[in-house]
Amino acid sequence: MASASASSSPTLAAALLVLLLSSSAGAREAAAAAASAAPALDQVCGRLGSYYVTPALCASALCADPAAPCRAARDAPAVAALAARLAAANATAARDSVEAALSSSPPPPSATNSSAAASAAAAAARSCLQLYAGAVPSLRWAARAVAAGRYRGAREVLQAAQYVAAGCEGMAGDAAAALPRENAGFGDMAFVAHAVVASMPAD
């Protein structure tokens, strides 16, 4: 009787081991299935930590425009194309806003301290406009390149574009608060778009 019990112990242990391994494999498969079922946007935004971009910042930047259905992107290349396209669109909007602000600013009435400050602010805005005038065509090229799956070159364009908004703020100095809000919006978008495109495999 004792011998039968002893011989059944290894069999029971083996059965338990098989059950444990099967359960573990099933859990891994379920986790993998859940990950694959997650929207491509969430997958891409979740892997940008090394670029100091949080999932929340990534999603808020890419989903800010209701006309661009961010969660409809089917895969990572589609998310990258969306990010590059939005960067170009935001740069265009910022450029147009700076230009409109310059056009609507009246000339300083006299050589007073306030008029000197206004002149300095206008000069900074003109310099800012020049930055955007150079960035917009480059970003449009980058958007076309990323849409075609060509990331080399586009990464560098987006990296340089990150400094446009900050450059405008630096030139404006104390008058930075008067810059159009689109300038700050483009700064965030360029930061996220560069991270997304830089995370794509080398082509």
N, C-alpha and C. Protein backbone atom coordinates (compact mmCIF):
# COMPACT_ATOMS: atom_id res chain seq x y z
N MET A 1 0.83 -1.19 0.00
CA MET A 1 0.00 0.00 0.00
C MET A 1 0.87 1.24 0.00
N ALA A 2 1.88 1.25 0.86
CA ALA A 2 2.81 2.38 0.93
C ALA A 2 3.53 2.54 -0.37
N SER A 3 3.87 1.39 -1.04
CA SER A 3 4.60 1.44 -2.31
C SER A 3 3.74 2.10 -3.38
N ALA A 4 2.43 1.78 -3.42
CA ALA A 4 1.52 2.38 -4.40
C ALA A 4 1.41 3.88 -4.19
N SER A 5 1.33 4.28 -2.91
CA SER A 5 1.24 5.70 -2.60
C SER A 5 2.49 6.43 -3.02
N ALA A 6 3.66 5.79 -2.78
CA ALA A 6 4.93 6.42 -3.14
C ALA A 6 5.06 6.56 -4.64
N SER A 7 4.56 5.53 -5.38
CA SER A 7 4.70 5.58 -6.83
C SER A 7 3.76 6.61 -7.45
N SER A 8 2.65 6.90 -6.74
CA SER A 8 1.71 7.87 -7.28
C SER A 8 2.16 9.31 -7.05
N SER A 9 3.06 9.53 -6.08
CA SER A 9 3.50 10.89 -5.76
C SER A 9 4.22 11.56 -6.93
N PRO A 10 5.20 10.88 -7.60
CA PRO A 10 5.83 11.52 -8.76
C PRO A 10 4.84 11.81 -9.87
N THR A 11 3.86 10.91 -10.05
CA THR A 11 2.86 11.13 -11.09
C THR A 11 2.03 12.37 -10.79
N LEU A 12 1.64 12.50 -9.51
CA LEU A 12 0.85 13.67 -9.10
C LEU A 12 1.65 14.95 -9.26
N ALA A 13 2.94 14.89 -8.87
CA ALA A 13 3.79 16.07 -8.99
C ALA A 13 3.96 16.48 -10.44
N ALA A 14 4.13 15.48 -11.32
CA ALA A 14 4.28 15.76 -12.74
C ALA A 14 3.02 16.40 -13.31
N ALA A 15 1.87 15.87 -12.86
CA ALA A 15 0.60 16.42 -13.34
C ALA A 15 0.43 17.87 -12.90
N LEU A 16 0.80 18.15 -11.64
CA LEU A 16 0.70 19.52 -11.15
C LEU A 16 1.64 20.45 -11.90
N LEU A 17 2.84 19.96 -12.24
CA LEU A 17 3.82 20.77 -12.98
C LEU A 17 3.29 21.12 -14.37
N VAL A 18 2.70 20.11 -15.03
CA VAL A 18 2.13 20.34 -16.36
C VAL A 18 1.01 21.37 -16.29
N LEU A 19 0.17 21.25 -15.26
CA LEU A 19 -0.94 22.19 -15.10
C LEU A 19 -0.43 23.60 -14.86
N LEU A 20 0.63 23.71 -14.02
CA LEU A 20 1.20 25.02 -13.72
C LEU A 20 1.79 25.66 -14.96
N LEU A 21 2.53 24.86 -15.75
CA LEU A 21 3.15 25.37 -16.96
C LEU A 21 2.08 25.79 -17.99
N SER A 22 1.02 25.00 -18.07
CA SER A 22 -0.05 25.32 -19.00
C SER A 22 -0.73 26.64 -18.62
N SER A 23 -0.96 26.82 -17.31
CA SER A 23 -1.59 28.04 -16.84
C SER A 23 -0.70 29.24 -17.12
N SER A 24 0.61 29.07 -16.88
CA SER A 24 1.55 30.17 -17.12
C SER A 24 1.58 30.54 -18.59
N ALA A 25 1.62 29.51 -19.45
CA ALA A 25 1.63 29.77 -20.90
C ALA A 25 0.35 30.46 -21.32
N GLY A 26 -0.76 30.05 -20.76
CA GLY A 26 -2.04 30.67 -21.10
C GLY A 26 -2.08 32.13 -20.68
N ALA A 27 -1.51 32.43 -19.53
CA ALA A 27 -1.48 33.81 -19.06
C ALA A 27 -0.63 34.67 -19.97
N ARG A 28 0.51 34.10 -20.41
CA ARG A 28 1.38 34.86 -21.32
C ARG A 28 0.69 35.11 -22.65
N GLU A 29 -0.01 34.11 -23.14
CA GLU A 29 -0.73 34.27 -24.41
C GLU A 29 -1.84 35.31 -24.28
N ALA A 30 -2.52 35.29 -23.15
CA ALA A 30 -3.59 36.27 -22.93
C ALA A 30 -3.02 37.68 -22.87
N ALA A 31 -1.88 37.84 -22.19
CA ALA A 31 -1.25 39.16 -22.10
C ALA A 31 -0.80 39.64 -23.47
N ALA A 32 -0.23 38.72 -24.25
CA ALA A 32 0.22 39.08 -25.60
C ALA A 32 -0.97 39.47 -26.47
N ALA A 33 -2.07 38.73 -26.32
CA ALA A 33 -3.26 39.04 -27.11
C ALA A 33 -3.82 40.41 -26.72
N ALA A 34 -3.81 40.71 -25.43
CA ALA A 34 -4.31 42.01 -24.97
C ALA A 34 -3.45 43.14 -25.51
N ALA A 35 -2.12 42.91 -25.52
CA ALA A 35 -1.22 43.95 -26.02
C ALA A 35 -1.44 44.18 -27.50
N SER A 36 -1.63 43.08 -28.24
CA SER A 36 -1.82 43.23 -29.68
C SER A 36 -3.17 43.85 -30.00
N ALA A 37 -4.13 43.69 -29.10
CA ALA A 37 -5.45 44.27 -29.32
C ALA A 37 -5.50 45.75 -28.96
N ALA A 38 -4.52 46.25 -28.21
CA ALA A 38 -4.49 47.65 -27.83
C ALA A 38 -4.27 48.51 -29.07
N PRO A 39 -4.89 49.69 -29.12
CA PRO A 39 -4.68 50.56 -30.27
C PRO A 39 -3.20 50.83 -30.51
N ALA A 40 -2.83 50.98 -31.78
CA ALA A 40 -1.42 51.24 -32.12
C ALA A 40 -0.92 52.49 -31.43
N LEU A 41 -1.79 53.48 -31.28
CA LEU A 41 -1.39 54.73 -30.62
C LEU A 41 -0.90 54.45 -29.21
N ASP A 42 -1.65 53.63 -28.45
CA ASP A 42 -1.26 53.34 -27.07
C ASP A 42 0.05 52.57 -27.02
N GLN A 43 0.25 51.67 -27.97
CA GLN A 43 1.50 50.90 -27.99
C GLN A 43 2.69 51.81 -28.26
N VAL A 44 2.55 52.70 -29.22
CA VAL A 44 3.65 53.62 -29.56
C VAL A 44 3.91 54.59 -28.41
N CYS A 45 2.85 55.19 -27.89
CA CYS A 45 3.01 56.17 -26.80
C CYS A 45 3.59 55.53 -25.54
N GLY A 46 3.37 54.23 -25.38
CA GLY A 46 3.87 53.56 -24.19
C GLY A 46 5.34 53.23 -24.22
N ARG A 47 6.00 53.44 -25.36
CA ARG A 47 7.41 53.07 -25.46
C ARG A 47 8.34 54.28 -25.65
N LEU A 48 7.86 55.46 -25.29
CA LEU A 48 8.65 56.67 -25.53
C LEU A 48 9.32 57.22 -24.28
N GLY A 49 9.39 56.40 -23.24
CA GLY A 49 9.97 56.87 -21.99
C GLY A 49 11.41 57.34 -22.13
N SER A 50 12.19 56.69 -22.99
CA SER A 50 13.59 57.09 -23.15
C SER A 50 13.73 58.45 -23.81
N TYR A 51 12.64 58.94 -24.40
CA TYR A 51 12.65 60.28 -25.01
C TYR A 51 11.97 61.31 -24.10
N TYR A 52 11.70 60.91 -22.85
CA TYR A 52 11.09 61.79 -21.85
C TYR A 52 9.67 62.22 -22.26
N VAL A 53 8.99 61.37 -23.02
CA VAL A 53 7.62 61.63 -23.41
C VAL A 53 6.72 60.62 -22.70
N THR A 54 5.81 61.10 -21.88
CA THR A 54 4.91 60.21 -21.16
C THR A 54 3.77 59.78 -22.08
N PRO A 55 3.13 58.65 -21.79
CA PRO A 55 1.97 58.26 -22.60
C PRO A 55 0.88 59.32 -22.63
N ALA A 56 0.68 60.01 -21.50
CA ALA A 56 -0.36 61.04 -21.45
C ALA A 56 -0.03 62.21 -22.36
N LEU A 57 1.23 62.67 -22.33
CA LEU A 57 1.63 63.78 -23.20
C LEU A 57 1.53 63.38 -24.67
N CYS A 58 1.98 62.16 -24.97
CA CYS A 58 1.93 61.66 -26.34
C CYS A 58 0.50 61.63 -26.85
N ALA A 59 -0.40 61.04 -26.09
CA ALA A 59 -1.79 60.91 -26.52
C ALA A 59 -2.47 62.27 -26.62
N SER A 60 -2.18 63.17 -25.68
CA SER A 60 -2.84 64.48 -25.72
C SER A 60 -2.39 65.28 -26.93
N ALA A 61 -1.12 65.14 -27.33
CA ALA A 61 -0.63 65.87 -28.50
C ALA A 61 -1.20 65.29 -29.79
N LEU A 62 -1.20 63.96 -29.89
CA LEU A 62 -1.62 63.33 -31.13
C LEU A 62 -3.14 63.32 -31.29
N CYS A 63 -3.86 63.48 -30.20
CA CYS A 63 -5.33 63.41 -30.26
C CYS A 63 -5.98 64.78 -30.07
N ALA A 64 -5.18 65.84 -30.13
CA ALA A 64 -5.73 67.18 -29.88
C ALA A 64 -6.63 67.66 -31.00
N ASP A 65 -6.40 67.18 -32.21
CA ASP A 65 -7.17 67.62 -33.37
C ASP A 65 -8.29 66.61 -33.66
N PRO A 66 -9.55 66.99 -33.45
CA PRO A 66 -10.65 66.05 -33.71
C PRO A 66 -10.72 65.61 -35.17
N ALA A 67 -10.17 66.43 -36.07
CA ALA A 67 -10.21 66.08 -37.49
C ALA A 67 -9.22 64.98 -37.85
N ALA A 68 -8.28 64.70 -36.94
CA ALA A 68 -7.30 63.65 -37.18
C ALA A 68 -7.59 62.50 -36.22
N PRO A 69 -8.28 61.46 -36.66
CA PRO A 69 -8.67 60.36 -35.76
C PRO A 69 -7.44 59.55 -35.31
N CYS A 70 -6.88 59.94 -34.18
CA CYS A 70 -5.60 59.39 -33.75
C CYS A 70 -5.67 57.88 -33.49
N ARG A 71 -6.77 57.40 -32.94
CA ARG A 71 -6.85 55.98 -32.59
C ARG A 71 -7.25 55.10 -33.77
N ALA A 72 -7.44 55.72 -34.92
CA ALA A 72 -7.72 54.94 -36.11
C ALA A 72 -6.44 54.45 -36.78
N ALA A 73 -5.29 54.94 -36.30
CA ALA A 73 -4.01 54.50 -36.87
C ALA A 73 -3.87 53.00 -36.66
N ARG A 74 -3.62 52.26 -37.73
CA ARG A 74 -3.66 50.80 -37.66
C ARG A 74 -2.38 50.18 -37.13
N ASP A 75 -1.25 50.92 -37.24
CA ASP A 75 0.02 50.36 -36.80
C ASP A 75 1.00 51.49 -36.48
N ALA A 76 2.20 51.13 -36.03
CA ALA A 76 3.18 52.14 -35.63
C ALA A 76 3.56 53.09 -36.77
N PRO A 77 3.80 52.59 -38.00
CA PRO A 77 4.09 53.54 -39.08
C PRO A 77 2.97 54.55 -39.32
N ALA A 78 1.73 54.12 -39.14
CA ALA A 78 0.61 55.06 -39.31
C ALA A 78 0.61 56.11 -38.20
N VAL A 79 0.98 55.71 -36.98
CA VAL A 79 1.08 56.68 -35.88
C VAL A 79 2.21 57.67 -36.16
N ALA A 80 3.33 57.18 -36.67
CA ALA A 80 4.45 58.06 -37.00
C ALA A 80 4.06 59.05 -38.10
N ALA A 81 3.33 58.57 -39.11
CA ALA A 81 2.88 59.45 -40.19
C ALA A 81 1.93 60.52 -39.65
N LEU A 82 1.05 60.13 -38.72
CA LEU A 82 0.14 61.08 -38.09
C LEU A 82 0.92 62.14 -37.33
N ALA A 83 1.91 61.72 -36.56
CA ALA A 83 2.70 62.65 -35.75
C ALA A 83 3.43 63.66 -36.63
N ALA A 84 4.06 63.18 -37.70
CA ALA A 84 4.79 64.08 -38.59
C ALA A 84 3.85 65.04 -39.30
N ARG A 85 2.69 64.53 -39.70
CA ARG A 85 1.71 65.38 -40.38
C ARG A 85 1.18 66.47 -39.45
N LEU A 86 0.93 66.11 -38.20
CA LEU A 86 0.45 67.09 -37.23
C LEU A 86 1.52 68.13 -36.91
N ALA A 87 2.78 67.70 -36.87
CA ALA A 87 3.87 68.66 -36.62
C ALA A 87 3.91 69.71 -37.72
N ALA A 88 3.79 69.27 -38.96
CA ALA A 88 3.78 70.22 -40.08
C ALA A 88 2.57 71.14 -40.02
N ALA A 89 1.41 70.58 -39.69
CA ALA A 89 0.19 71.38 -39.61
C ALA A 89 0.27 72.40 -38.48
N ASN A 90 0.79 71.98 -37.33
CA ASN A 90 0.91 72.89 -36.19
C ASN A 90 1.90 74.00 -36.46
N ALA A 91 3.00 73.68 -37.15
CA ALA A 91 3.98 74.70 -37.51
C ALA A 91 3.36 75.73 -38.44
N THR A 92 2.55 75.25 -39.38
CA THR A 92 1.87 76.16 -40.31
C THR A 92 0.92 77.08 -39.55
N ALA A 93 0.16 76.51 -38.61
CA ALA A 93 -0.77 77.31 -37.81
C ALA A 93 -0.03 78.34 -36.97
N ALA A 94 1.10 77.94 -36.38
CA ALA A 94 1.88 78.87 -35.56
C ALA A 94 2.45 79.99 -36.43
N ARG A 95 2.97 79.64 -37.60
CA ARG A 95 3.50 80.65 -38.51
C ARG A 95 2.43 81.67 -38.88
N ASP A 96 1.25 81.15 -39.24
CA ASP A 96 0.17 82.05 -39.65
C ASP A 96 -0.28 82.94 -38.49
N SER A 97 -0.26 82.40 -37.28
CA SER A 97 -0.67 83.18 -36.11
C SER A 97 0.33 84.29 -35.80
N VAL A 98 1.61 83.98 -35.91
CA VAL A 98 2.63 85.00 -35.68
C VAL A 98 2.52 86.09 -36.74
N GLU A 99 2.30 85.68 -37.98
CA GLU A 99 2.17 86.64 -39.08
C GLU A 99 0.95 87.54 -38.87
N ALA A 100 -0.15 86.94 -38.44
CA ALA A 100 -1.36 87.72 -38.19
C ALA A 100 -1.16 88.70 -37.04
N ALA A 101 -0.45 88.27 -36.01
CA ALA A 101 -0.19 89.16 -34.87
C ALA A 101 0.66 90.34 -35.29
N LEU A 102 1.63 90.09 -36.16
CA LEU A 102 2.47 91.18 -36.66
C LEU A 102 1.64 92.16 -37.49
N SER A 103 0.78 91.63 -38.31
CA SER A 103 -0.01 92.49 -39.20
C SER A 103 -0.99 93.37 -38.43
N SER A 104 -1.47 92.84 -37.30
CA SER A 104 -2.47 93.59 -36.53
C SER A 104 -1.85 94.53 -35.50
N SER A 105 -0.54 94.47 -35.33
CA SER A 105 0.11 95.33 -34.33
C SER A 105 0.29 96.73 -34.91
N PRO A 106 -0.23 97.77 -34.24
CA PRO A 106 -0.06 99.13 -34.74
C PRO A 106 1.37 99.59 -34.55
N PRO A 107 1.86 100.50 -35.39
CA PRO A 107 3.23 101.02 -35.20
C PRO A 107 3.31 101.86 -33.94
N PRO A 108 4.48 101.87 -33.29
CA PRO A 108 4.63 102.66 -32.06
C PRO A 108 4.45 104.15 -32.35
N PRO A 109 3.69 104.88 -31.50
CA PRO A 109 3.37 106.28 -31.78
C PRO A 109 4.55 107.22 -31.63
N SER A 110 5.43 106.95 -30.71
CA SER A 110 6.53 107.88 -30.46
C SER A 110 7.70 107.15 -29.83
N ALA A 111 8.79 107.84 -29.67
CA ALA A 111 10.02 107.24 -29.14
C ALA A 111 9.99 107.22 -27.62
N THR A 112 9.03 106.51 -27.05
CA THR A 112 8.95 106.36 -25.60
C THR A 112 9.45 104.98 -25.21
N ASN A 113 9.55 104.77 -23.89
CA ASN A 113 9.99 103.45 -23.42
C ASN A 113 9.03 102.35 -23.86
N SER A 114 7.72 102.65 -23.80
CA SER A 114 6.75 101.65 -24.19
C SER A 114 6.84 101.35 -25.68
N SER A 115 7.09 102.40 -26.48
CA SER A 115 7.19 102.16 -27.92
C SER A 115 8.47 101.41 -28.25
N ALA A 116 9.52 101.64 -27.48
CA ALA A 116 10.77 100.90 -27.69
C ALA A 116 10.55 99.43 -27.39
N ALA A 117 9.80 99.15 -26.32
CA ALA A 117 9.51 97.76 -25.98
C ALA A 117 8.66 97.11 -27.06
N ALA A 118 7.70 97.90 -27.60
CA ALA A 118 6.84 97.37 -28.65
C ALA A 118 7.66 97.09 -29.91
N SER A 119 8.60 97.96 -30.20
CA SER A 119 9.46 97.76 -31.37
C SER A 119 10.31 96.51 -31.20
N ALA A 120 10.82 96.31 -29.99
CA ALA A 120 11.63 95.13 -29.72
C ALA A 120 10.79 93.86 -29.85
N ALA A 121 9.56 93.92 -29.36
CA ALA A 121 8.68 92.76 -29.45
C ALA A 121 8.34 92.46 -30.92
N ALA A 122 8.13 93.51 -31.71
CA ALA A 122 7.82 93.31 -33.12
C ALA A 122 9.03 92.72 -33.85
N ALA A 123 10.22 93.18 -33.50
CA ALA A 123 11.43 92.64 -34.12
C ALA A 123 11.59 91.16 -33.78
N ALA A 124 11.30 90.81 -32.52
CA ALA A 124 11.40 89.40 -32.10
C ALA A 124 10.36 88.57 -32.85
N ALA A 125 9.18 89.12 -33.04
CA ALA A 125 8.13 88.38 -33.75
C ALA A 125 8.53 88.17 -35.21
N ARG A 126 9.18 89.17 -35.81
CA ARG A 126 9.63 89.00 -37.19
C ARG A 126 10.71 87.92 -37.28
N SER A 127 11.59 87.88 -36.30
CA SER A 127 12.61 86.82 -36.28
C SER A 127 11.98 85.45 -36.07
N CYS A 128 10.96 85.42 -35.23
CA CYS A 128 10.22 84.17 -34.99
C CYS A 128 9.55 83.71 -36.27
N LEU A 129 8.98 84.66 -36.99
CA LEU A 129 8.33 84.33 -38.25
C LEU A 129 9.32 83.74 -39.25
N GLN A 130 10.53 84.24 -39.25
CA GLN A 130 11.56 83.70 -40.13
C GLN A 130 11.90 82.25 -39.76
N LEU A 131 11.93 81.96 -38.46
CA LEU A 131 12.17 80.58 -38.02
C LEU A 131 11.10 79.65 -38.57
N TYR A 132 9.85 80.07 -38.44
CA TYR A 132 8.76 79.23 -38.93
C TYR A 132 8.75 79.14 -40.45
N ALA A 133 9.12 80.23 -41.10
CA ALA A 133 9.16 80.22 -42.57
C ALA A 133 10.15 79.18 -43.08
N GLY A 134 11.22 78.96 -42.34
CA GLY A 134 12.17 77.93 -42.72
C GLY A 134 11.74 76.54 -42.28
N ALA A 135 11.05 76.46 -41.16
CA ALA A 135 10.68 75.15 -40.61
C ALA A 135 9.52 74.50 -41.35
N VAL A 136 8.54 75.28 -41.79
CA VAL A 136 7.33 74.71 -42.38
C VAL A 136 7.63 73.87 -43.62
N PRO A 137 8.40 74.37 -44.60
CA PRO A 137 8.67 73.51 -45.77
C PRO A 137 9.43 72.23 -45.40
N SER A 138 10.36 72.35 -44.46
CA SER A 138 11.12 71.17 -44.04
C SER A 138 10.22 70.14 -43.37
N LEU A 139 9.29 70.63 -42.55
CA LEU A 139 8.38 69.71 -41.85
C LEU A 139 7.39 69.07 -42.83
N ARG A 140 6.99 69.80 -43.84
CA ARG A 140 6.11 69.20 -44.85
C ARG A 140 6.84 68.10 -45.61
N TRP A 141 8.11 68.35 -45.90
CA TRP A 141 8.90 67.29 -46.54
C TRP A 141 9.01 66.08 -45.62
N ALA A 142 9.28 66.34 -44.33
CA ALA A 142 9.42 65.24 -43.37
C ALA A 142 8.12 64.45 -43.27
N ALA A 143 6.98 65.14 -43.30
CA ALA A 143 5.69 64.44 -43.23
C ALA A 143 5.51 63.51 -44.43
N ARG A 144 5.90 63.98 -45.61
CA ARG A 144 5.78 63.12 -46.79
C ARG A 144 6.73 61.93 -46.70
N ALA A 145 7.94 62.18 -46.20
CA ALA A 145 8.91 61.10 -46.08
C ALA A 145 8.45 60.03 -45.10
N VAL A 146 7.95 60.46 -43.95
CA VAL A 146 7.48 59.50 -42.94
C VAL A 146 6.28 58.72 -43.46
N ALA A 147 5.39 59.39 -44.17
CA ALA A 147 4.23 58.70 -44.73
C ALA A 147 4.65 57.62 -45.71
N ALA A 148 5.81 57.82 -46.36
CA ALA A 148 6.33 56.83 -47.31
C ALA A 148 7.22 55.80 -46.63
N GLY A 149 7.35 55.89 -45.29
CA GLY A 149 8.18 54.93 -44.56
C GLY A 149 9.65 55.24 -44.58
N ARG A 150 10.01 56.48 -44.92
CA ARG A 150 11.42 56.90 -44.94
C ARG A 150 11.66 57.81 -43.74
N TYR A 151 12.38 57.29 -42.75
CA TYR A 151 12.56 58.04 -41.50
C TYR A 151 13.89 58.77 -41.43
N ARG A 152 14.86 58.31 -42.20
CA ARG A 152 16.16 58.98 -42.19
C ARG A 152 16.00 60.38 -42.77
N GLY A 153 16.54 61.35 -42.11
CA GLY A 153 16.38 62.74 -42.54
C GLY A 153 15.19 63.38 -41.86
N ALA A 154 14.06 62.68 -41.83
CA ALA A 154 12.88 63.22 -41.16
C ALA A 154 13.13 63.34 -39.66
N ARG A 155 13.87 62.38 -39.10
CA ARG A 155 14.20 62.45 -37.67
C ARG A 155 14.96 63.74 -37.37
N GLU A 156 15.94 64.05 -38.22
CA GLU A 156 16.77 65.23 -37.98
C GLU A 156 15.96 66.52 -38.14
N VAL A 157 15.06 66.53 -39.11
CA VAL A 157 14.21 67.71 -39.29
C VAL A 157 13.35 67.94 -38.06
N LEU A 158 12.74 66.88 -37.55
CA LEU A 158 11.89 67.01 -36.37
C LEU A 158 12.69 67.36 -35.13
N GLN A 159 13.91 66.85 -35.05
CA GLN A 159 14.75 67.20 -33.91
C GLN A 159 15.06 68.70 -33.92
N ALA A 160 15.42 69.23 -35.08
CA ALA A 160 15.71 70.66 -35.19
C ALA A 160 14.46 71.50 -34.92
N ALA A 161 13.30 70.99 -35.34
CA ALA A 161 12.05 71.74 -35.17
C ALA A 161 11.69 71.94 -33.71
N GLN A 162 12.21 71.09 -32.83
CA GLN A 162 11.90 71.22 -31.40
C GLN A 162 12.36 72.56 -30.85
N TYR A 163 13.35 73.18 -31.49
CA TYR A 163 13.95 74.40 -30.96
C TYR A 163 13.31 75.67 -31.53
N VAL A 164 12.36 75.53 -32.45
CA VAL A 164 11.76 76.70 -33.06
C VAL A 164 10.93 77.48 -32.03
N ALA A 165 10.02 76.79 -31.36
CA ALA A 165 9.15 77.47 -30.39
C ALA A 165 9.97 78.09 -29.26
N ALA A 166 10.96 77.34 -28.76
CA ALA A 166 11.80 77.88 -27.69
C ALA A 166 12.61 79.07 -28.19
N GLY A 167 13.04 79.01 -29.46
CA GLY A 167 13.78 80.13 -30.03
C GLY A 167 12.93 81.38 -30.10
N CYS A 168 11.67 81.22 -30.46
CA CYS A 168 10.77 82.36 -30.49
C CYS A 168 10.58 82.96 -29.10
N GLU A 169 10.43 82.09 -28.10
CA GLU A 169 10.26 82.58 -26.73
C GLU A 169 11.52 83.29 -26.26
N GLY A 170 12.68 82.75 -26.61
CA GLY A 170 13.93 83.38 -26.20
C GLY A 170 14.11 84.76 -26.82
N MET A 171 13.77 84.89 -28.09
CA MET A 171 13.90 86.19 -28.75
C MET A 171 12.88 87.19 -28.22
N ALA A 172 11.70 86.71 -27.83
CA ALA A 172 10.67 87.61 -27.32
C ALA A 172 10.99 88.11 -25.92
N GLY A 173 11.77 87.32 -25.17
CA GLY A 173 12.16 87.75 -23.83
C GLY A 173 10.96 87.96 -22.93
N ASP A 174 10.87 89.16 -22.33
CA ASP A 174 9.77 89.45 -21.42
C ASP A 174 8.42 89.47 -22.11
N ALA A 175 8.44 89.59 -23.43
CA ALA A 175 7.18 89.64 -24.17
C ALA A 175 6.75 88.26 -24.67
N ALA A 176 7.39 87.21 -24.16
CA ALA A 176 7.07 85.85 -24.64
C ALA A 176 5.62 85.49 -24.41
N ALA A 177 5.04 86.03 -23.33
CA ALA A 177 3.64 85.71 -23.04
C ALA A 177 2.70 86.23 -24.12
N ALA A 178 3.18 87.21 -24.90
CA ALA A 178 2.33 87.78 -25.94
C ALA A 178 2.37 86.97 -27.23
N LEU A 179 3.25 85.98 -27.29
CA LEU A 179 3.29 85.14 -28.48
C LEU A 179 1.99 84.36 -28.62
N PRO A 180 1.55 84.09 -29.85
CA PRO A 180 0.33 83.29 -30.02
C PRO A 180 0.44 81.94 -29.34
N ARG A 181 -0.66 81.43 -28.82
CA ARG A 181 -0.64 80.15 -28.11
C ARG A 181 -0.23 79.01 -29.02
N GLU A 182 -0.38 79.21 -30.34
CA GLU A 182 0.02 78.16 -31.27
C GLU A 182 1.52 77.89 -31.21
N ASN A 183 2.29 78.87 -30.76
CA ASN A 183 3.74 78.66 -30.64
C ASN A 183 4.04 77.58 -29.61
N ALA A 184 3.44 77.71 -28.43
CA ALA A 184 3.64 76.70 -27.39
C ALA A 184 3.07 75.36 -27.81
N GLY A 185 1.92 75.39 -28.50
CA GLY A 185 1.33 74.14 -28.96
C GLY A 185 2.23 73.41 -29.94
N PHE A 186 2.88 74.17 -30.81
CA PHE A 186 3.80 73.54 -31.75
C PHE A 186 5.01 72.97 -31.01
N GLY A 187 5.48 73.65 -29.97
CA GLY A 187 6.62 73.13 -29.20
C GLY A 187 6.34 71.75 -28.65
N ASP A 188 5.16 71.56 -28.08
CA ASP A 188 4.79 70.24 -27.55
C ASP A 188 4.66 69.21 -28.67
N MET A 189 4.04 69.63 -29.76
CA MET A 189 3.81 68.70 -30.87
C MET A 189 5.14 68.25 -31.48
N ALA A 190 6.07 69.18 -31.66
CA ALA A 190 7.36 68.83 -32.25
C ALA A 190 8.12 67.87 -31.34
N PHE A 191 8.03 68.08 -30.03
CA PHE A 191 8.70 67.22 -29.05
C PHE A 191 8.17 65.79 -29.15
N VAL A 192 6.86 65.66 -29.23
CA VAL A 192 6.24 64.33 -29.31
C VAL A 192 6.51 63.70 -30.68
N ALA A 193 6.36 64.48 -31.74
CA ALA A 193 6.54 63.93 -33.08
C ALA A 193 7.96 63.41 -33.28
N HIS A 194 8.93 64.14 -32.77
CA HIS A 194 10.32 63.65 -32.90
C HIS A 194 10.49 62.33 -32.17
N ALA A 195 9.94 62.23 -30.96
CA ALA A 195 10.07 60.99 -30.19
C ALA A 195 9.43 59.82 -30.93
N VAL A 196 8.25 60.05 -31.49
CA VAL A 196 7.53 58.98 -32.19
C VAL A 196 8.35 58.51 -33.40
N VAL A 197 8.80 59.45 -34.21
CA VAL A 197 9.53 59.07 -35.43
C VAL A 197 10.90 58.49 -35.08
N ALA A 198 11.55 59.03 -34.07
CA ALA A 198 12.85 58.50 -33.66
C ALA A 198 12.75 57.07 -33.11
N SER A 199 11.57 56.70 -32.62
CA SER A 199 11.39 55.35 -32.06
C SER A 199 11.17 54.30 -33.14
N MET A 200 10.98 54.73 -34.37
CA MET A 200 10.75 53.77 -35.45
C MET A 200 12.05 53.10 -35.84
N PRO A 201 11.98 51.84 -36.33
CA PRO A 201 13.20 51.14 -36.74
C PRO A 201 13.94 51.90 -37.84
N ALA A 202 15.25 51.78 -37.82
CA ALA A 202 16.06 52.45 -38.85
C ALA A 202 15.72 51.91 -40.22
N ASP A 203 15.61 52.83 -41.19
CA ASP A 203 15.30 52.38 -42.55
C ASP A 203 16.57 52.29 -43.39
